[in-house]
């Protein structure tokens, strides 16, 4: 970035939602919701819209408390149990993963989401900007799942998913699926996707006549569930973080 662009950025500041996310307070999406709800003020004035740029020296308050200072970016691998939602708050009053996380973690947000009954690897970070970066389709990271489903299917039919599939007007991109083994009325499969659309694995398999009864995410990009125990958290080492996600840190 040249000097003129740098000076222009300093002069214009940064969008308030981005600043809140970088401080690890919440995701950009949640930040915009909080702002619209009147929970954020700058220099004593309650914001009415997320279309506001914060400049150096501005006094930002959230729920009457000063905005936390941005900390060094940290990333955690978490083994989510089934039966919990991954949003910070649930309108139906269901328990969230943030209700059961082990003690000692900083304030974190999730990288994407897992369905209520999906278990396995969920990435958590104290940097909302990193969360958004890793969720972008352009990142192209593969998400891999082990799937148990009622019914059976041939490898030949699973191979047809490589070209993508359209279901009820929704287009799903290329899916790499392999048959593992059959146990009684259930089969085990391995699914690898890059888009991660809402309930993608379940909807595709339902279309193929299978009913998913267990879904476990075992990897997200270069990060693997491995032997992480249920409801256990392992932090990614800083040197590994910079090595595995160079595109993000080169822009900071």
C-alpha atoms as a PDB file:
ATOM      1  CA  UNK A   1       0.000   0.000   0.000  1.00  0.00           C
ATOM      2  CA  UNK A   2       1.454   3.373  -0.953  1.00  0.00           C
ATOM      3  CA  UNK A   3       1.734   6.336   1.383  1.00  0.00           C
ATOM      4  CA  UNK A   4      -1.290   8.158  -0.033  1.00  0.00           C
ATOM      5  CA  UNK A   5      -3.537   5.125   0.489  1.00  0.00           C
ATOM      6  CA  UNK A   6      -2.158   4.658   4.004  1.00  0.00           C
ATOM      7  CA  UNK A   7      -2.913   8.274   4.896  1.00  0.00           C
ATOM      8  CA  UNK A   8      -6.394   7.944   3.391  1.00  0.00           C
ATOM      9  CA  UNK A   9      -7.088   4.845   5.540  1.00  0.00           C
ATOM     10  CA  UNK A  10      -5.960   6.647   8.694  1.00  0.00           C
ATOM     11  CA  UNK A  11      -8.111   9.647   7.802  1.00  0.00           C
ATOM     12  CA  UNK A  12     -11.244   7.629   7.046  1.00  0.00           C
ATOM     13  CA  UNK A  13     -10.775   5.096   9.844  1.00  0.00           C
ATOM     14  CA  UNK A  14     -12.233   1.600   9.848  1.00  0.00           C
ATOM     15  CA  UNK A  15     -15.797   0.323   9.907  1.00  0.00           C
ATOM     16  CA  UNK A  16     -17.013  -0.106  13.467  1.00  0.00           C
ATOM     17  CA  UNK A  17     -18.079  -3.741  12.907  1.00  0.00           C
ATOM     18  CA  UNK A  18     -14.573  -4.619  11.695  1.00  0.00           C
ATOM     19  CA  UNK A  19     -13.017  -2.954  14.740  1.00  0.00           C
ATOM     20  CA  UNK A  20     -15.335  -4.859  17.089  1.00  0.00           C
ATOM     21  CA  UNK A  21     -14.568  -8.145  15.358  1.00  0.00           C
ATOM     22  CA  UNK A  22     -10.825  -7.569  15.473  1.00  0.00           C
ATOM     23  CA  UNK A  23     -11.096  -6.965  19.214  1.00  0.00           C
ATOM     24  CA  UNK A  24     -12.544 -10.462  19.510  1.00  0.00           C
ATOM     25  CA  UNK A  25     -15.832  -9.199  20.870  1.00  0.00           C
ATOM     26  CA  UNK A  26     -18.015 -10.853  18.227  1.00  0.00           C
ATOM     27  CA  UNK A  27     -18.255 -11.573  14.517  1.00  0.00           C
ATOM     28  CA  UNK A  28     -18.890  -8.737  12.039  1.00  0.00           C
ATOM     29  CA  UNK A  29     -22.395 -10.061  11.491  1.00  0.00           C
ATOM     30  CA  UNK A  30     -23.155  -9.972  15.217  1.00  0.00           C
ATOM     31  CA  UNK A  31     -21.507  -6.565  15.544  1.00  0.00           C
ATOM     32  CA  UNK A  32     -23.908  -5.125  12.974  1.00  0.00           C
ATOM     33  CA  UNK A  33     -26.844  -6.629  14.868  1.00  0.00           C
ATOM     34  CA  UNK A  34     -25.605  -5.152  18.148  1.00  0.00           C
ATOM     35  CA  UNK A  35     -25.217  -1.746  16.552  1.00  0.00           C
ATOM     36  CA  UNK A  36     -28.727  -1.855  15.106  1.00  0.00           C
ATOM     37  CA  UNK A  37     -29.984  -2.789  18.581  1.00  0.00           C
ATOM     38  CA  UNK A  38     -28.468   0.406  20.039  1.00  0.00           C
ATOM     39  CA  UNK A  39     -25.812  -1.374  22.106  1.00  0.00           C
ATOM     40  CA  UNK A  40     -22.822   0.532  20.700  1.00  0.00           C
ATOM     41  CA  UNK A  41     -21.806   4.154  21.184  1.00  0.00           C
ATOM     42  CA  UNK A  42     -18.889   6.222  19.921  1.00  0.00           C
ATOM     43  CA  UNK A  43     -17.789   9.322  21.808  1.00  0.00           C
ATOM     44  CA  UNK A  44     -21.015   9.235  23.809  1.00  0.00           C
ATOM     45  CA  UNK A  45     -23.340   8.956  20.804  1.00  0.00           C
ATOM     46  CA  UNK A  46     -25.338   5.760  20.298  1.00  0.00           C
ATOM     47  CA  UNK A  47     -24.849   4.491  16.753  1.00  0.00           C
ATOM     48  CA  UNK A  48     -27.923   3.993  14.617  1.00  0.00           C
ATOM     49  CA  UNK A  49     -26.181   2.228  11.736  1.00  0.00           C
ATOM     50  CA  UNK A  50     -23.091   0.048  11.156  1.00  0.00           C
ATOM     51  CA  UNK A  51     -22.105   2.506   8.400  1.00  0.00           C
ATOM     52  CA  UNK A  52     -19.709   4.326  10.708  1.00  0.00           C
ATOM     53  CA  UNK A  53     -15.923   4.555  10.602  1.00  0.00           C
ATOM     54  CA  UNK A  54     -13.936   4.605  13.826  1.00  0.00           C
ATOM     55  CA  UNK A  55     -10.802   6.738  13.955  1.00  0.00           C
ATOM     56  CA  UNK A  56      -7.819   6.644  16.280  1.00  0.00           C
ATOM     57  CA  UNK A  57      -8.731   8.127  19.648  1.00  0.00           C
ATOM     58  CA  UNK A  58     -12.489   7.465  19.373  1.00  0.00           C
ATOM     59  CA  UNK A  59     -14.142   6.244  22.580  1.00  0.00           C
ATOM     60  CA  UNK A  60     -16.065   3.082  21.683  1.00  0.00           C
ATOM     61  CA  UNK A  61     -18.454   1.566  24.227  1.00  0.00           C
ATOM     62  CA  UNK A  62     -20.425  -1.680  23.949  1.00  0.00           C
ATOM     63  CA  UNK A  63     -23.206  -2.260  26.474  1.00  0.00           C
ATOM     64  CA  UNK A  64     -21.702   0.547  28.520  1.00  0.00           C
ATOM     65  CA  UNK A  65     -18.256  -1.061  28.672  1.00  0.00           C
ATOM     66  CA  UNK A  66     -15.112   0.088  26.832  1.00  0.00           C
ATOM     67  CA  UNK A  67     -14.242  -1.902  23.715  1.00  0.00           C
ATOM     68  CA  UNK A  68     -11.486  -4.408  24.611  1.00  0.00           C
ATOM     69  CA  UNK A  69      -8.100  -3.764  23.101  1.00  0.00           C
ATOM     70  CA  UNK A  70      -7.241  -6.070  20.218  1.00  0.00           C
ATOM     71  CA  UNK A  71      -5.063  -8.975  21.344  1.00  0.00           C
ATOM     72  CA  UNK A  72      -2.733 -11.219  19.395  1.00  0.00           C
ATOM     73  CA  UNK A  73      -4.691 -13.534  17.113  1.00  0.00           C
ATOM     74  CA  UNK A  74      -5.308 -16.988  18.563  1.00  0.00           C
ATOM     75  CA  UNK A  75      -7.032 -20.026  17.075  1.00  0.00           C
ATOM     76  CA  UNK A  76      -8.402 -23.066  18.875  1.00  0.00           C
ATOM     77  CA  UNK A  77      -9.596 -26.483  17.710  1.00  0.00           C
ATOM     78  CA  UNK A  78     -12.671 -27.597  19.631  1.00  0.00           C
ATOM     79  CA  UNK A  79     -14.480 -30.950  19.618  1.00  0.00           C
ATOM     80  CA  UNK A  80     -18.134 -29.918  19.615  1.00  0.00           C
ATOM     81  CA  UNK A  81     -20.560 -32.440  21.128  1.00  0.00           C
ATOM     82  CA  UNK A  82     -23.914 -33.084  19.452  1.00  0.00           C
ATOM     83  CA  UNK A  83     -26.924 -31.305  20.937  1.00  0.00           C
ATOM     84  CA  UNK A  84     -25.531 -27.765  21.186  1.00  0.00           C
ATOM     85  CA  UNK A  85     -25.933 -24.765  18.900  1.00  0.00           C
ATOM     86  CA  UNK A  86     -22.893 -22.755  17.845  1.00  0.00           C
ATOM     87  CA  UNK A  87     -24.398 -19.250  17.969  1.00  0.00           C
ATOM     88  CA  UNK A  88     -23.559 -17.043  20.949  1.00  0.00           C
ATOM     89  CA  UNK A  89     -27.244 -16.788  21.866  1.00  0.00           C
ATOM     90  CA  UNK A  90     -30.173 -18.965  20.864  1.00  0.00           C
ATOM     91  CA  UNK A  91     -33.645 -17.520  20.399  1.00  0.00           C
ATOM     92  CA  UNK A  92     -35.160 -20.868  21.463  1.00  0.00           C
ATOM     93  CA  UNK A  93     -33.206 -20.959  24.706  1.00  0.00           C
ATOM     94  CA  UNK A  94     -31.170 -24.028  23.765  1.00  0.00           C
ATOM     95  CA  UNK A  95     -27.711 -24.530  25.248  1.00  0.00           C
ATOM     96  CA  UNK A  96     -24.831 -23.283  23.139  1.00  0.00           C
ATOM     97  CA  UNK A  97     -21.232 -24.433  22.941  1.00  0.00           C
ATOM     98  CA  UNK A  98     -20.301 -21.191  24.677  1.00  0.00           C
ATOM     99  CA  UNK A  99     -22.191 -22.416  27.759  1.00  0.00           C
ATOM    100  CA  UNK A 100     -19.961 -25.474  28.081  1.00  0.00           C
ATOM    101  CA  UNK A 101     -16.541 -24.387  26.800  1.00  0.00           C
ATOM    102  CA  UNK A 102     -13.652 -25.269  29.146  1.00  0.00           C
ATOM    103  CA  UNK A 103     -12.528 -22.482  31.460  1.00  0.00           C
ATOM    104  CA  UNK A 104      -9.523 -20.321  30.694  1.00  0.00           C
ATOM    105  CA  UNK A 105     -10.351 -19.356  27.127  1.00  0.00           C
ATOM    106  CA  UNK A 106     -10.417 -15.729  25.982  1.00  0.00           C
ATOM    107  CA  UNK A 107     -13.593 -14.350  24.443  1.00  0.00           C
ATOM    108  CA  UNK A 108     -13.962 -16.297  21.199  1.00  0.00           C
ATOM    109  CA  UNK A 109     -16.231 -16.560  18.164  1.00  0.00           C
ATOM    110  CA  UNK A 110     -16.739 -19.610  15.986  1.00  0.00           C
ATOM    111  CA  UNK A 111     -15.465 -20.025  12.442  1.00  0.00           C
ATOM    112  CA  UNK A 112     -18.687 -20.894  10.658  1.00  0.00           C
ATOM    113  CA  UNK A 113     -21.242 -23.077  12.355  1.00  0.00           C
ATOM    114  CA  UNK A 114     -22.181 -26.683  12.921  1.00  0.00           C
ATOM    115  CA  UNK A 115     -25.801 -27.839  13.105  1.00  0.00           C
ATOM    116  CA  UNK A 116     -27.354 -28.683  16.467  1.00  0.00           C
ATOM    117  CA  UNK A 117     -26.841 -32.418  16.002  1.00  0.00           C
ATOM    118  CA  UNK A 118     -23.525 -32.238  14.133  1.00  0.00           C
ATOM    119  CA  UNK A 119     -20.420 -32.968  16.173  1.00  0.00           C
ATOM    120  CA  UNK A 120     -16.708 -32.727  15.612  1.00  0.00           C
ATOM    121  CA  UNK A 121     -14.193 -30.028  14.738  1.00  0.00           C
ATOM    122  CA  UNK A 122     -15.220 -26.421  15.323  1.00  0.00           C
ATOM    123  CA  UNK A 123     -12.593 -23.688  15.018  1.00  0.00           C
ATOM    124  CA  UNK A 124     -12.732 -20.870  17.571  1.00  0.00           C
ATOM    125  CA  UNK A 125     -10.806 -17.588  17.502  1.00  0.00           C
ATOM    126  CA  UNK A 126     -10.482 -14.384  19.456  1.00  0.00           C
ATOM    127  CA  UNK A 127     -10.160 -12.498  16.153  1.00  0.00           C
ATOM    128  CA  UNK A 128     -13.466 -11.871  14.393  1.00  0.00           C
ATOM    129  CA  UNK A 129     -11.590 -10.763  11.288  1.00  0.00           C
ATOM    130  CA  UNK A 130      -9.904 -14.157  11.042  1.00  0.00           C
ATOM    131  CA  UNK A 131     -13.257 -15.883  11.505  1.00  0.00           C
ATOM    132  CA  UNK A 132     -14.707 -14.029   8.529  1.00  0.00           C
ATOM    133  CA  UNK A 133     -11.598 -14.665   6.416  1.00  0.00           C
ATOM    134  CA  UNK A 134     -11.751 -18.432   6.985  1.00  0.00           C
ATOM    135  CA  UNK A 135     -15.470 -18.540   6.179  1.00  0.00           C
ATOM    136  CA  UNK A 136     -15.075 -16.896   2.768  1.00  0.00           C
ATOM    137  CA  UNK A 137     -15.702 -19.261  -0.179  1.00  0.00           C
ATOM    138  CA  UNK A 138     -12.568 -17.824  -1.812  1.00  0.00           C
ATOM    139  CA  UNK A 139     -10.478 -19.494   0.897  1.00  0.00           C
ATOM    140  CA  UNK A 140     -11.379 -22.783  -0.788  1.00  0.00           C
ATOM    141  CA  UNK A 141     -10.744 -24.929   2.260  1.00  0.00           C
ATOM    142  CA  UNK A 142     -12.151 -28.449   2.243  1.00  0.00           C
ATOM    143  CA  UNK A 143     -14.406 -29.555   5.095  1.00  0.00           C
ATOM    144  CA  UNK A 144     -14.418 -33.325   5.614  1.00  0.00           C
ATOM    145  CA  UNK A 145     -17.103 -35.291   7.466  1.00  0.00           C
ATOM    146  CA  UNK A 146     -17.622 -38.864   8.551  1.00  0.00           C
ATOM    147  CA  UNK A 147     -21.268 -39.732   8.036  1.00  0.00           C
ATOM    148  CA  UNK A 148     -23.466 -42.518   9.337  1.00  0.00           C
ATOM    149  CA  UNK A 149     -26.732 -42.824   7.432  1.00  0.00           C
ATOM    150  CA  UNK A 150     -29.672 -45.186   7.358  1.00  0.00           C
ATOM    151  CA  UNK A 151     -29.749 -47.014   4.043  1.00  0.00           C
ATOM    152  CA  UNK A 152     -27.129 -47.916   1.503  1.00  0.00           C
ATOM    153  CA  UNK A 153     -25.632 -46.376  -1.620  1.00  0.00           C
ATOM    154  CA  UNK A 154     -23.110 -47.446  -4.216  1.00  0.00           C
ATOM    155  CA  UNK A 155     -19.753 -45.807  -4.815  1.00  0.00           C
ATOM    156  CA  UNK A 156     -20.792 -45.370  -8.426  1.00  0.00           C
ATOM    157  CA  UNK A 157     -23.717 -43.170  -7.395  1.00  0.00           C
ATOM    158  CA  UNK A 158     -21.600 -41.221  -4.926  1.00  0.00           C
ATOM    159  CA  UNK A 159     -19.130 -40.498  -7.739  1.00  0.00           C
ATOM    160  CA  UNK A 160     -21.842 -38.569  -9.592  1.00  0.00           C
ATOM    161  CA  UNK A 161     -21.560 -35.872  -6.918  1.00  0.00           C
ATOM    162  CA  UNK A 162     -18.155 -34.833  -8.240  1.00  0.00           C
ATOM    163  CA  UNK A 163     -19.913 -32.740 -10.869  1.00  0.00           C
ATOM    164  CA  UNK A 164     -22.136 -31.042  -8.289  1.00  0.00           C
ATOM    165  CA  UNK A 165     -25.887 -31.391  -7.901  1.00  0.00           C
ATOM    166  CA  UNK A 166     -28.958 -29.145  -7.885  1.00  0.00           C
ATOM    167  CA  UNK A 167     -31.672 -29.849  -5.291  1.00  0.00           C
ATOM    168  CA  UNK A 168     -34.858 -27.787  -5.075  1.00  0.00           C
ATOM    169  CA  UNK A 169     -33.196 -25.006  -7.020  1.00  0.00           C
ATOM    170  CA  UNK A 170     -30.071 -24.913  -4.828  1.00  0.00           C
ATOM    171  CA  UNK A 171     -26.812 -25.680  -6.596  1.00  0.00           C
ATOM    172  CA  UNK A 172     -24.191 -27.587  -4.609  1.00  0.00           C
ATOM    173  CA  UNK A 173     -20.669 -27.651  -5.995  1.00  0.00           C
ATOM    174  CA  UNK A 174     -18.348 -30.607  -6.418  1.00  0.00           C
ATOM    175  CA  UNK A 175     -18.520 -33.142  -3.568  1.00  0.00           C
ATOM    176  CA  UNK A 176     -15.965 -35.885  -3.007  1.00  0.00           C
ATOM    177  CA  UNK A 177     -17.820 -38.798  -1.371  1.00  0.00           C
ATOM    178  CA  UNK A 178     -16.638 -42.313  -0.641  1.00  0.00           C
ATOM    179  CA  UNK A 179     -18.356 -45.393   0.757  1.00  0.00           C
ATOM    180  CA  UNK A 180     -16.582 -46.734   3.842  1.00  0.00           C
ATOM    181  CA  UNK A 181     -18.536 -49.705   5.163  1.00  0.00           C
ATOM    182  CA  UNK A 182     -22.002 -51.035   5.976  1.00  0.00           C
ATOM    183  CA  UNK A 183     -23.140 -52.058   9.450  1.00  0.00           C
ATOM    184  CA  UNK A 184     -26.608 -53.535   9.412  1.00  0.00           C
ATOM    185  CA  UNK A 185     -29.060 -50.960   8.078  1.00  0.00           C
ATOM    186  CA  UNK A 186     -26.530 -48.109   8.299  1.00  0.00           C
ATOM    187  CA  UNK A 187     -23.667 -47.157   6.028  1.00  0.00           C
ATOM    188  CA  UNK A 188     -20.610 -45.059   6.853  1.00  0.00           C
ATOM    189  CA  UNK A 189     -19.411 -42.515   4.300  1.00  0.00           C
ATOM    190  CA  UNK A 190     -16.726 -39.825   4.004  1.00  0.00           C
ATOM    191  CA  UNK A 191     -17.851 -36.489   2.541  1.00  0.00           C
ATOM    192  CA  UNK A 192     -15.546 -33.638   1.511  1.00  0.00           C
ATOM    193  CA  UNK A 193     -17.043 -30.272   0.536  1.00  0.00           C
ATOM    194  CA  UNK A 194     -15.746 -26.746   0.008  1.00  0.00           C
ATOM    195  CA  UNK A 195     -18.880 -24.598   0.114  1.00  0.00           C
ATOM    196  CA  UNK A 196     -20.399 -25.663   3.416  1.00  0.00           C
ATOM    197  CA  UNK A 197     -23.917 -24.496   2.563  1.00  0.00           C
ATOM    198  CA  UNK A 198     -26.607 -24.830   5.215  1.00  0.00           C
ATOM    199  CA  UNK A 199     -27.246 -28.536   5.965  1.00  0.00           C
ATOM    200  CA  UNK A 200     -25.492 -29.451   2.725  1.00  0.00           C
ATOM    201  CA  UNK A 201     -24.444 -33.001   3.630  1.00  0.00           C
ATOM    202  CA  UNK A 202     -27.827 -33.900   5.095  1.00  0.00           C
ATOM    203  CA  UNK A 203     -29.792 -32.495   2.164  1.00  0.00           C
ATOM    204  CA  UNK A 204     -27.665 -34.170  -0.484  1.00  0.00           C
ATOM    205  CA  UNK A 205     -27.899 -37.566   1.201  1.00  0.00           C
ATOM    206  CA  UNK A 206     -31.637 -37.206   1.792  1.00  0.00           C
ATOM    207  CA  UNK A 207     -31.977 -36.557  -1.929  1.00  0.00           C
ATOM    208  CA  UNK A 208     -30.112 -39.837  -2.501  1.00  0.00           C
ATOM    209  CA  UNK A 209     -32.517 -41.715  -0.241  1.00  0.00           C
ATOM    210  CA  UNK A 210     -30.369 -41.823   2.905  1.00  0.00           C
ATOM    211  CA  UNK A 211     -31.176 -40.433   6.341  1.00  0.00           C
ATOM    212  CA  UNK A 212     -28.196 -39.079   8.268  1.00  0.00           C
ATOM    213  CA  UNK A 213     -28.184 -40.130  11.915  1.00  0.00           C
ATOM    214  CA  UNK A 214     -24.639 -39.120  12.817  1.00  0.00           C
ATOM    215  CA  UNK A 215     -22.459 -36.404  11.304  1.00  0.00           C
ATOM    216  CA  UNK A 216     -18.919 -35.712  12.469  1.00  0.00           C
ATOM    217  CA  UNK A 217     -16.664 -33.020  11.001  1.00  0.00           C
ATOM    218  CA  UNK A 218     -13.137 -34.401  11.096  1.00  0.00           C
ATOM    219  CA  UNK A 219     -11.248 -31.614   9.357  1.00  0.00           C
ATOM    220  CA  UNK A 220     -11.508 -27.967   8.277  1.00  0.00           C
ATOM    221  CA  UNK A 221      -8.814 -27.040   5.802  1.00  0.00           C
ATOM    222  CA  UNK A 222      -5.421 -28.012   7.285  1.00  0.00           C
ATOM    223  CA  UNK A 223      -6.843 -28.476  10.776  1.00  0.00           C
ATOM    224  CA  UNK A 224      -7.833 -31.975  11.923  1.00  0.00           C
ATOM    225  CA  UNK A 225      -9.924 -33.286  14.809  1.00  0.00           C
ATOM    226  CA  UNK A 226      -7.480 -36.113  15.429  1.00  0.00           C
ATOM    227  CA  UNK A 227      -7.647 -37.394  18.983  1.00  0.00           C
ATOM    228  CA  UNK A 228      -9.179 -34.268  20.528  1.00  0.00           C
ATOM    229  CA  UNK A 229     -11.689 -35.459  23.136  1.00  0.00           C
ATOM    230  CA  UNK A 230     -15.318 -34.371  23.201  1.00  0.00           C
ATOM    231  CA  UNK A 231     -15.682 -30.821  24.595  1.00  0.00           C
ATOM    232  CA  UNK A 232     -11.881 -30.502  24.621  1.00  0.00           C
ATOM    233  CA  UNK A 233      -9.982 -27.510  23.214  1.00  0.00           C
ATOM    234  CA  UNK A 234      -6.460 -27.430  21.798  1.00  0.00           C
ATOM    235  CA  UNK A 235      -4.789 -24.171  20.790  1.00  0.00           C
ATOM    236  CA  UNK A 236      -2.966 -23.936  17.469  1.00  0.00           C
ATOM    237  CA  UNK A 237       0.612 -22.791  17.983  1.00  0.00           C
ATOM    238  CA  UNK A 238       1.336 -19.270  16.771  1.00  0.00           C
ATOM    239  CA  UNK A 239       4.053 -20.417  14.379  1.00  0.00           C
ATOM    240  CA  UNK A 240       1.683 -22.984  12.863  1.00  0.00           C
ATOM    241  CA  UNK A 241      -1.051 -20.388  12.584  1.00  0.00           C
ATOM    242  CA  UNK A 242       1.123 -18.061  10.510  1.00  0.00           C
ATOM    243  CA  UNK A 243       2.395 -20.973   8.407  1.00  0.00           C
ATOM    244  CA  UNK A 244      -1.050 -22.435   7.654  1.00  0.00           C
ATOM    245  CA  UNK A 245      -2.903 -19.141   7.074  1.00  0.00           C
ATOM    246  CA  UNK A 246      -0.300 -16.866   5.472  1.00  0.00           C
ATOM    247  CA  UNK A 247      -2.869 -15.046   3.345  1.00  0.00           C
ATOM    248  CA  UNK A 248      -4.528 -13.513   6.391  1.00  0.00           C
ATOM    249  CA  UNK A 249      -1.475 -12.367   8.303  1.00  0.00           C
ATOM    250  CA  UNK A 250       0.169 -10.845   5.233  1.00  0.00           C
ATOM    251  CA  UNK A 251      -2.767  -8.414   5.054  1.00  0.00           C
ATOM    252  CA  UNK A 252      -2.763  -7.371   8.692  1.00  0.00           C
END
